[in-house]
Amino acid sequence: MTTERITLTADPVQITDGTQTAYVLADDGVFRFADSDSKPTDLTLSGAKAEATFSEPFVIWIWAGSGFGTTVTVLKR
């Protein structure tokens, strides 16, 4: 299992490749997420959570819910 802390911006960051499980927890506020084989461009097609678990076969991208400065902890397996 790996753990990393990521400070999110409005630019989506890929956290899974479709073969992994990831647990994401925001320090404060929410993060936005989408399942996409490539970097999402329409960021309105997304969900928002303070914490979530993502499993296979989803390719997950996350970004700041407020557009800036959201820090998350990501645990991957």
PDB file of N, CA and C in Angstrom:
ATOM      1  N   MET A   1       0.841  -1.169   0.000  1.00  0.00           N
ATOM      2  CA  MET A   1       0.000   0.000   0.000  1.00  0.00           C
ATOM      3  C   MET A   1       0.891   1.238   0.000  1.00  0.00           C
ATOM      4  N   THR A   2       0.505   2.238  -0.774  1.00  0.00           N
ATOM      5  CA  THR A   2       1.235   3.503  -0.789  1.00  0.00           C
ATOM      6  C   THR A   2       0.321   4.611  -0.282  1.00  0.00           C
ATOM      7  N   THR A   3       0.936   5.598   0.331  1.00  0.00           N
ATOM      8  CA  THR A   3       0.200   6.760   0.832  1.00  0.00           C
ATOM      9  C   THR A   3       0.897   8.014   0.337  1.00  0.00           C
ATOM     10  N   GLU A   4       0.124   8.969  -0.152  1.00  0.00           N
ATOM     11  CA  GLU A   4       0.707  10.244  -0.565  1.00  0.00           C
ATOM     12  C   GLU A   4      -0.259  11.368  -0.251  1.00  0.00           C
ATOM     13  N   ARG A   5       0.300  12.540  -0.028  1.00  0.00           N
ATOM     14  CA  ARG A   5      -0.495  13.752   0.183  1.00  0.00           C
ATOM     15  C   ARG A   5      -0.335  14.614  -1.066  1.00  0.00           C
ATOM     16  N   ILE A   6      -1.457  15.109  -1.553  1.00  0.00           N
ATOM     17  CA  ILE A   6      -1.459  15.907  -2.771  1.00  0.00           C
ATOM     18  C   ILE A   6      -2.216  17.203  -2.501  1.00  0.00           C
ATOM     19  N   THR A   7      -1.621  18.321  -2.856  1.00  0.00           N
ATOM     20  CA  THR A   7      -2.331  19.597  -2.816  1.00  0.00           C
ATOM     21  C   THR A   7      -2.934  19.818  -4.197  1.00  0.00           C
ATOM     22  N   LEU A   8      -4.253  19.817  -4.236  1.00  0.00           N
ATOM     23  CA  LEU A   8      -4.969  19.904  -5.503  1.00  0.00           C
ATOM     24  C   LEU A   8      -5.173  21.344  -5.943  1.00  0.00           C
ATOM     25  N   THR A   9      -5.252  21.514  -7.243  1.00  0.00           N
ATOM     26  CA  THR A   9      -5.606  22.788  -7.869  1.00  0.00           C
ATOM     27  C   THR A   9      -6.794  22.510  -8.788  1.00  0.00           C
ATOM     28  N   ALA A  10      -7.090  23.414  -9.676  1.00  0.00           N
ATOM     29  CA  ALA A  10      -8.170  23.207 -10.642  1.00  0.00           C
ATOM     30  C   ALA A  10      -7.758  22.274 -11.777  1.00  0.00           C
ATOM     31  N   ASP A  11      -6.488  21.866 -11.805  1.00  0.00           N
ATOM     32  CA  ASP A  11      -5.968  20.982 -12.849  1.00  0.00           C
ATOM     33  C   ASP A  11      -6.086  19.525 -12.390  1.00  0.00           C
ATOM     34  N   PRO A  12      -6.878  18.687 -13.069  1.00  0.00           N
ATOM     35  CA  PRO A  12      -7.068  17.298 -12.651  1.00  0.00           C
ATOM     36  C   PRO A  12      -5.764  16.492 -12.589  1.00  0.00           C
ATOM     37  N   VAL A  13      -5.683  15.633 -11.553  1.00  0.00           N
ATOM     38  CA  VAL A  13      -4.539  14.743 -11.328  1.00  0.00           C
ATOM     39  C   VAL A  13      -5.057  13.309 -11.355  1.00  0.00           C
ATOM     40  N   GLN A  14      -4.410  12.435 -12.126  1.00  0.00           N
ATOM     41  CA  GLN A  14      -4.817  11.032 -12.195  1.00  0.00           C
ATOM     42  C   GLN A  14      -4.298  10.302 -10.972  1.00  0.00           C
ATOM     43  N   ILE A  15      -5.200   9.550 -10.281  1.00  0.00           N
ATOM     44  CA  ILE A  15      -4.765   8.802  -9.093  1.00  0.00           C
ATOM     45  C   ILE A  15      -4.882   7.292  -9.261  1.00  0.00           C
ATOM     46  N   THR A  16      -5.664   6.816 -10.225  1.00  0.00           N
ATOM     47  CA  THR A  16      -5.728   5.378 -10.495  1.00  0.00           C
ATOM     48  C   THR A  16      -5.664   5.145 -12.000  1.00  0.00           C
ATOM     49  N   ASP A  17      -5.239   3.924 -12.357  1.00  0.00           N
ATOM     50  CA  ASP A  17      -5.123   3.587 -13.783  1.00  0.00           C
ATOM     51  C   ASP A  17      -6.118   2.521 -14.221  1.00  0.00           C
ATOM     52  N   GLY A  18      -7.073   2.204 -13.352  1.00  0.00           N
ATOM     53  CA  GLY A  18      -8.072   1.199 -13.677  1.00  0.00           C
ATOM     54  C   GLY A  18      -7.759  -0.173 -13.117  1.00  0.00           C
ATOM     55  N   THR A  19      -6.563  -0.347 -12.521  1.00  0.00           N
ATOM     56  CA  THR A  19      -6.185  -1.636 -11.934  1.00  0.00           C
ATOM     57  C   THR A  19      -5.977  -1.527 -10.429  1.00  0.00           C
ATOM     58  N   GLN A  20      -6.226  -0.349  -9.869  1.00  0.00           N
ATOM     59  CA  GLN A  20      -5.938  -0.095  -8.467  1.00  0.00           C
ATOM     60  C   GLN A  20      -7.203   0.277  -7.694  1.00  0.00           C
ATOM     61  N   THR A  21      -7.108   0.168  -6.373  1.00  0.00           N
ATOM     62  CA  THR A  21      -8.110   0.700  -5.468  1.00  0.00           C
ATOM     63  C   THR A  21      -7.472   1.863  -4.739  1.00  0.00           C
ATOM     64  N   ALA A  22      -8.216   2.946  -4.579  1.00  0.00           N
ATOM     65  CA  ALA A  22      -7.687   4.117  -3.880  1.00  0.00           C
ATOM     66  C   ALA A  22      -8.736   4.662  -2.918  1.00  0.00           C
ATOM     67  N   TYR A  23      -8.265   5.071  -1.740  1.00  0.00           N
ATOM     68  CA  TYR A  23      -9.094   5.764  -0.755  1.00  0.00           C
ATOM     69  C   TYR A  23      -8.582   7.200  -0.700  1.00  0.00           C
ATOM     70  N   VAL A  24      -9.486   8.167  -0.822  1.00  0.00           N
ATOM     71  CA  VAL A  24      -9.107   9.580  -0.838  1.00  0.00           C
ATOM     72  C   VAL A  24      -9.851  10.305   0.271  1.00  0.00           C
ATOM     73  N   LEU A  25      -9.114  11.082   1.067  1.00  0.00           N
ATOM     74  CA  LEU A  25      -9.689  11.838   2.178  1.00  0.00           C
ATOM     75  C   LEU A  25      -9.202  13.278   2.100  1.00  0.00           C
ATOM     76  N   ALA A  26     -10.131  14.225   2.012  1.00  0.00           N
ATOM     77  CA  ALA A  26      -9.776  15.654   1.980  1.00  0.00           C
ATOM     78  C   ALA A  26      -9.525  16.143   3.400  1.00  0.00           C
ATOM     79  N   ASP A  27      -8.484  16.959   3.564  1.00  0.00           N
ATOM     80  CA  ASP A  27      -8.202  17.552   4.869  1.00  0.00           C
ATOM     81  C   ASP A  27      -9.286  18.536   5.270  1.00  0.00           C
ATOM     82  N   ASP A  28      -9.772  19.294   4.302  1.00  0.00           N
ATOM     83  CA  ASP A  28     -10.773  20.316   4.557  1.00  0.00           C
ATOM     84  C   ASP A  28     -11.548  20.542   3.271  1.00  0.00           C
ATOM     85  N   GLY A  29     -12.840  20.593   3.344  1.00  0.00           N
ATOM     86  CA  GLY A  29     -13.642  20.810   2.147  1.00  0.00           C
ATOM     87  C   GLY A  29     -13.834  19.535   1.348  1.00  0.00           C
ATOM     88  N   VAL A  30     -13.952  19.686   0.046  1.00  0.00           N
ATOM     89  CA  VAL A  30     -14.217  18.549  -0.838  1.00  0.00           C
ATOM     90  C   VAL A  30     -13.251  18.572  -2.015  1.00  0.00           C
ATOM     91  N   PHE A  31     -13.152  17.425  -2.657  1.00  0.00           N
ATOM     92  CA  PHE A  31     -12.437  17.325  -3.921  1.00  0.00           C
ATOM     93  C   PHE A  31     -13.448  16.888  -4.970  1.00  0.00           C
ATOM     94  N   ARG A  32     -13.170  17.191  -6.208  1.00  0.00           N
ATOM     95  CA  ARG A  32     -14.027  16.764  -7.306  1.00  0.00           C
ATOM     96  C   ARG A  32     -13.350  15.587  -7.997  1.00  0.00           C
ATOM     97  N   PHE A  33     -14.143  14.728  -8.641  1.00  0.00           N
ATOM     98  CA  PHE A  33     -13.572  13.547  -9.280  1.00  0.00           C
ATOM     99  C   PHE A  33     -14.370  13.167 -10.518  1.00  0.00           C
ATOM    100  N   ALA A  34     -13.681  12.463 -11.412  1.00  0.00           N
ATOM    101  CA  ALA A  34     -14.313  11.933 -12.618  1.00  0.00           C
ATOM    102  C   ALA A  34     -13.577  10.679 -13.050  1.00  0.00           C
ATOM    103  N   ASP A  35     -14.299   9.790 -13.723  1.00  0.00           N
ATOM    104  CA  ASP A  35     -13.730   8.581 -14.320  1.00  0.00           C
ATOM    105  C   ASP A  35     -13.537   8.868 -15.802  1.00  0.00           C
ATOM    106  N   SER A  36     -12.282   8.805 -16.251  1.00  0.00           N
ATOM    107  CA  SER A  36     -11.999   9.104 -17.659  1.00  0.00           C
ATOM    108  C   SER A  36     -10.677   8.466 -18.066  1.00  0.00           C
ATOM    109  N   ASP A  37     -10.641   7.880 -19.263  1.00  0.00           N
ATOM    110  CA  ASP A  37      -9.401   7.288 -19.765  1.00  0.00           C
ATOM    111  C   ASP A  37      -8.339   8.344 -20.058  1.00  0.00           C
ATOM    112  N   SER A  38      -8.777   9.585 -20.305  1.00  0.00           N
ATOM    113  CA  SER A  38      -7.835  10.684 -20.524  1.00  0.00           C
ATOM    114  C   SER A  38      -8.240  11.852 -19.629  1.00  0.00           C
ATOM    115  N   LYS A  39      -7.351  12.812 -19.505  1.00  0.00           N
ATOM    116  CA  LYS A  39      -7.584  13.953 -18.622  1.00  0.00           C
ATOM    117  C   LYS A  39      -8.904  14.645 -18.976  1.00  0.00           C
ATOM    118  N   PRO A  40      -9.809  14.779 -17.995  1.00  0.00           N
ATOM    119  CA  PRO A  40     -11.100  15.409 -18.286  1.00  0.00           C
ATOM    120  C   PRO A  40     -10.941  16.887 -18.666  1.00  0.00           C
ATOM    121  N   THR A  41     -11.762  17.309 -19.605  1.00  0.00           N
ATOM    122  CA  THR A  41     -11.740  18.710 -20.020  1.00  0.00           C
ATOM    123  C   THR A  41     -13.024  19.434 -19.589  1.00  0.00           C
ATOM    124  N   ASP A  42     -14.139  18.716 -19.516  1.00  0.00           N
ATOM    125  CA  ASP A  42     -15.386  19.314 -19.030  1.00  0.00           C
ATOM    126  C   ASP A  42     -15.515  18.972 -17.549  1.00  0.00           C
ATOM    127  N   LEU A  43     -15.044  19.859 -16.693  1.00  0.00           N
ATOM    128  CA  LEU A  43     -14.986  19.589 -15.259  1.00  0.00           C
ATOM    129  C   LEU A  43     -16.337  19.703 -14.576  1.00  0.00           C
ATOM    130  N   THR A  44     -17.377  20.074 -15.331  1.00  0.00           N
ATOM    131  CA  THR A  44     -18.718  20.108 -14.743  1.00  0.00           C
ATOM    132  C   THR A  44     -19.319  18.709 -14.664  1.00  0.00           C
ATOM    133  N   LEU A  45     -18.785  17.763 -15.433  1.00  0.00           N
ATOM    134  CA  LEU A  45     -19.262  16.375 -15.409  1.00  0.00           C
ATOM    135  C   LEU A  45     -18.458  15.612 -14.366  1.00  0.00           C
ATOM    136  N   SER A  46     -18.795  15.845 -13.093  1.00  0.00           N
ATOM    137  CA  SER A  46     -17.990  15.280 -12.010  1.00  0.00           C
ATOM    138  C   SER A  46     -18.828  15.141 -10.748  1.00  0.00           C
ATOM    139  N   GLY A  47     -18.242  14.459  -9.766  1.00  0.00           N
ATOM    140  CA  GLY A  47     -18.847  14.353  -8.450  1.00  0.00           C
ATOM    141  C   GLY A  47     -17.993  15.104  -7.443  1.00  0.00           C
ATOM    142  N   ALA A  48     -18.525  15.300  -6.236  1.00  0.00           N
ATOM    143  CA  ALA A  48     -17.770  15.978  -5.176  1.00  0.00           C
ATOM    144  C   ALA A  48     -17.932  15.196  -3.881  1.00  0.00           C
ATOM    145  N   LYS A  49     -16.815  14.993  -3.183  1.00  0.00           N
ATOM    146  CA  LYS A  49     -16.831  14.234  -1.931  1.00  0.00           C
ATOM    147  C   LYS A  49     -15.755  14.771  -0.994  1.00  0.00           C
ATOM    148  N   ALA A  50     -15.914  14.505   0.296  1.00  0.00           N
ATOM    149  CA  ALA A  50     -14.859  14.777   1.275  1.00  0.00           C
ATOM    150  C   ALA A  50     -14.006  13.529   1.457  1.00  0.00           C
ATOM    151  N   GLU A  51     -14.594  12.358   1.193  1.00  0.00           N
ATOM    152  CA  GLU A  51     -13.847  11.106   1.206  1.00  0.00           C
ATOM    153  C   GLU A  51     -14.552  10.110   0.298  1.00  0.00           C
ATOM    154  N   ALA A  52     -13.750   9.232  -0.312  1.00  0.00           N
ATOM    155  CA  ALA A  52     -14.310   8.244  -1.232  1.00  0.00           C
ATOM    156  C   ALA A  52     -13.313   7.126  -1.464  1.00  0.00           C
ATOM    157  N   THR A  53     -13.850   5.954  -1.827  1.00  0.00           N
ATOM    158  CA  THR A  53     -13.040   4.821  -2.235  1.00  0.00           C
ATOM    159  C   THR A  53     -13.374   4.510  -3.684  1.00  0.00           C
ATOM    160  N   PHE A  54     -12.338   4.327  -4.494  1.00  0.00           N
ATOM    161  CA  PHE A  54     -12.498   4.032  -5.911  1.00  0.00           C
ATOM    162  C   PHE A  54     -11.815   2.697  -6.209  1.00  0.00           C
ATOM    163  N   SER A  55     -12.493   1.830  -6.964  1.00  0.00           N
ATOM    164  CA  SER A  55     -11.971   0.496  -7.269  1.00  0.00           C
ATOM    165  C   SER A  55     -11.882   0.284  -8.770  1.00  0.00           C
ATOM    166  N   GLU A  56     -11.302  -0.868  -9.155  1.00  0.00           N
ATOM    167  CA  GLU A  56     -11.261  -1.265 -10.551  1.00  0.00           C
ATOM    168  C   GLU A  56     -12.672  -1.243 -11.109  1.00  0.00           C
ATOM    169  N   PRO A  57     -12.909  -0.954 -12.327  1.00  0.00           N
ATOM    170  CA  PRO A  57     -12.014  -0.607 -13.420  1.00  0.00           C
ATOM    171  C   PRO A  57     -11.928   0.899 -13.658  1.00  0.00           C
ATOM    172  N   PHE A  58     -12.259   1.698 -12.656  1.00  0.00           N
ATOM    173  CA  PHE A  58     -12.340   3.148 -12.835  1.00  0.00           C
ATOM    174  C   PHE A  58     -10.967   3.814 -12.915  1.00  0.00           C
ATOM    175  N   VAL A  59     -10.820   4.715 -13.878  1.00  0.00           N
ATOM    176  CA  VAL A  59      -9.614   5.534 -14.031  1.00  0.00           C
ATOM    177  C   VAL A  59      -9.991   6.905 -13.459  1.00  0.00           C
ATOM    178  N   ILE A  60      -9.516   7.196 -12.249  1.00  0.00           N
ATOM    179  CA  ILE A  60      -9.996   8.354 -11.501  1.00  0.00           C
ATOM    180  C   ILE A  60      -9.031   9.535 -11.579  1.00  0.00           C
ATOM    181  N   TRP A  61      -9.618  10.690 -11.812  1.00  0.00           N
ATOM    182  CA  TRP A  61      -8.927  11.982 -11.807  1.00  0.00           C
ATOM    183  C   TRP A  61      -9.562  12.815 -10.718  1.00  0.00           C
ATOM    184  N   ILE A  62      -8.751  13.560  -9.951  1.00  0.00           N
ATOM    185  CA  ILE A  62      -9.286  14.412  -8.896  1.00  0.00           C
ATOM    186  C   ILE A  62      -8.715  15.827  -9.028  1.00  0.00           C
ATOM    187  N   TRP A  63      -9.456  16.814  -8.514  1.00  0.00           N
ATOM    188  CA  TRP A  63      -9.006  18.203  -8.493  1.00  0.00           C
ATOM    189  C   TRP A  63      -9.721  18.914  -7.350  1.00  0.00           C
ATOM    190  N   ALA A  64      -9.283  20.112  -7.044  1.00  0.00           N
ATOM    191  CA  ALA A  64      -9.822  20.861  -5.912  1.00  0.00           C
ATOM    192  C   ALA A  64     -11.285  21.218  -6.132  1.00  0.00           C
ATOM    193  N   GLY A  65     -12.080  20.989  -5.110  1.00  0.00           N
ATOM    194  CA  GLY A  65     -13.501  21.316  -5.193  1.00  0.00           C
ATOM    195  C   GLY A  65     -13.747  22.806  -5.291  1.00  0.00           C
ATOM    196  N   SER A  66     -12.886  23.594  -4.661  1.00  0.00           N
ATOM    197  CA  SER A  66     -13.046  25.042  -4.676  1.00  0.00           C
ATOM    198  C   SER A  66     -12.222  25.686  -5.782  1.00  0.00           C
ATOM    199  N   GLY A  67     -11.447  24.881  -6.504  1.00  0.00           N
ATOM    200  CA  GLY A  67     -10.606  25.408  -7.571  1.00  0.00           C
ATOM    201  C   GLY A  67      -9.170  25.647  -7.145  1.00  0.00           C
ATOM    202  N   PHE A  68      -8.894  25.562  -5.841  1.00  0.00           N
ATOM    203  CA  PHE A  68      -7.522  25.792  -5.385  1.00  0.00           C
ATOM    204  C   PHE A  68      -7.316  25.226  -3.984  1.00  0.00           C
ATOM    205  N   GLY A  69      -6.118  24.789  -3.703  1.00  0.00           N
ATOM    206  CA  GLY A  69      -5.637  24.540  -2.363  1.00  0.00           C
ATOM    207  C   GLY A  69      -6.219  23.428  -1.515  1.00  0.00           C
ATOM    208  N   THR A  70      -6.986  22.508  -2.053  1.00  0.00           N
ATOM    209  CA  THR A  70      -7.491  21.396  -1.254  1.00  0.00           C
ATOM    210  C   THR A  70      -6.400  20.338  -1.138  1.00  0.00           C
ATOM    211  N   THR A  71      -6.075  19.930   0.082  1.00  0.00           N
ATOM    212  CA  THR A  71      -5.075  18.884   0.279  1.00  0.00           C
ATOM    213  C   THR A  71      -5.806  17.574   0.597  1.00  0.00           C
ATOM    214  N   VAL A  72      -5.367  16.499  -0.067  1.00  0.00           N
ATOM    215  CA  VAL A  72      -5.969  15.183   0.149  1.00  0.00           C
ATOM    216  C   VAL A  72      -4.888  14.174   0.497  1.00  0.00           C
ATOM    217  N   THR A  73      -5.290  13.144   1.208  1.00  0.00           N
ATOM    218  CA  THR A  73      -4.443  11.986   1.440  1.00  0.00           C
ATOM    219  C   THR A  73      -4.988  10.867   0.569  1.00  0.00           C
ATOM    220  N   VAL A  74      -4.095  10.232  -0.187  1.00  0.00           N
ATOM    221  CA  VAL A  74      -4.495   9.148  -1.095  1.00  0.00           C
ATOM    222  C   VAL A  74      -3.768   7.876  -0.674  1.00  0.00           C
ATOM    223  N   LEU A  75      -4.538   6.825  -0.364  1.00  0.00           N
ATOM    224  CA  LEU A  75      -3.985   5.506  -0.059  1.00  0.00           C
ATOM    225  C   LEU A  75      -4.336   4.604  -1.220  1.00  0.00           C
ATOM    226  N   LYS A  76      -3.325   3.950  -1.810  1.00  0.00           N
ATOM    227  CA  LYS A  76      -3.548   3.083  -2.972  1.00  0.00           C
ATOM    228  C   LYS A  76      -3.096   1.664  -2.682  1.00  0.00           C
ATOM    229  N   ARG A  77      -3.797   0.744  -3.294  1.00  0.00           N
ATOM    230  CA  ARG A  77      -3.445  -0.663  -3.199  1.00  0.00           C
ATOM    231  C   ARG A  77      -3.561  -1.278  -4.566  1.00  0.00           C
TER     232      ARG A  77
END
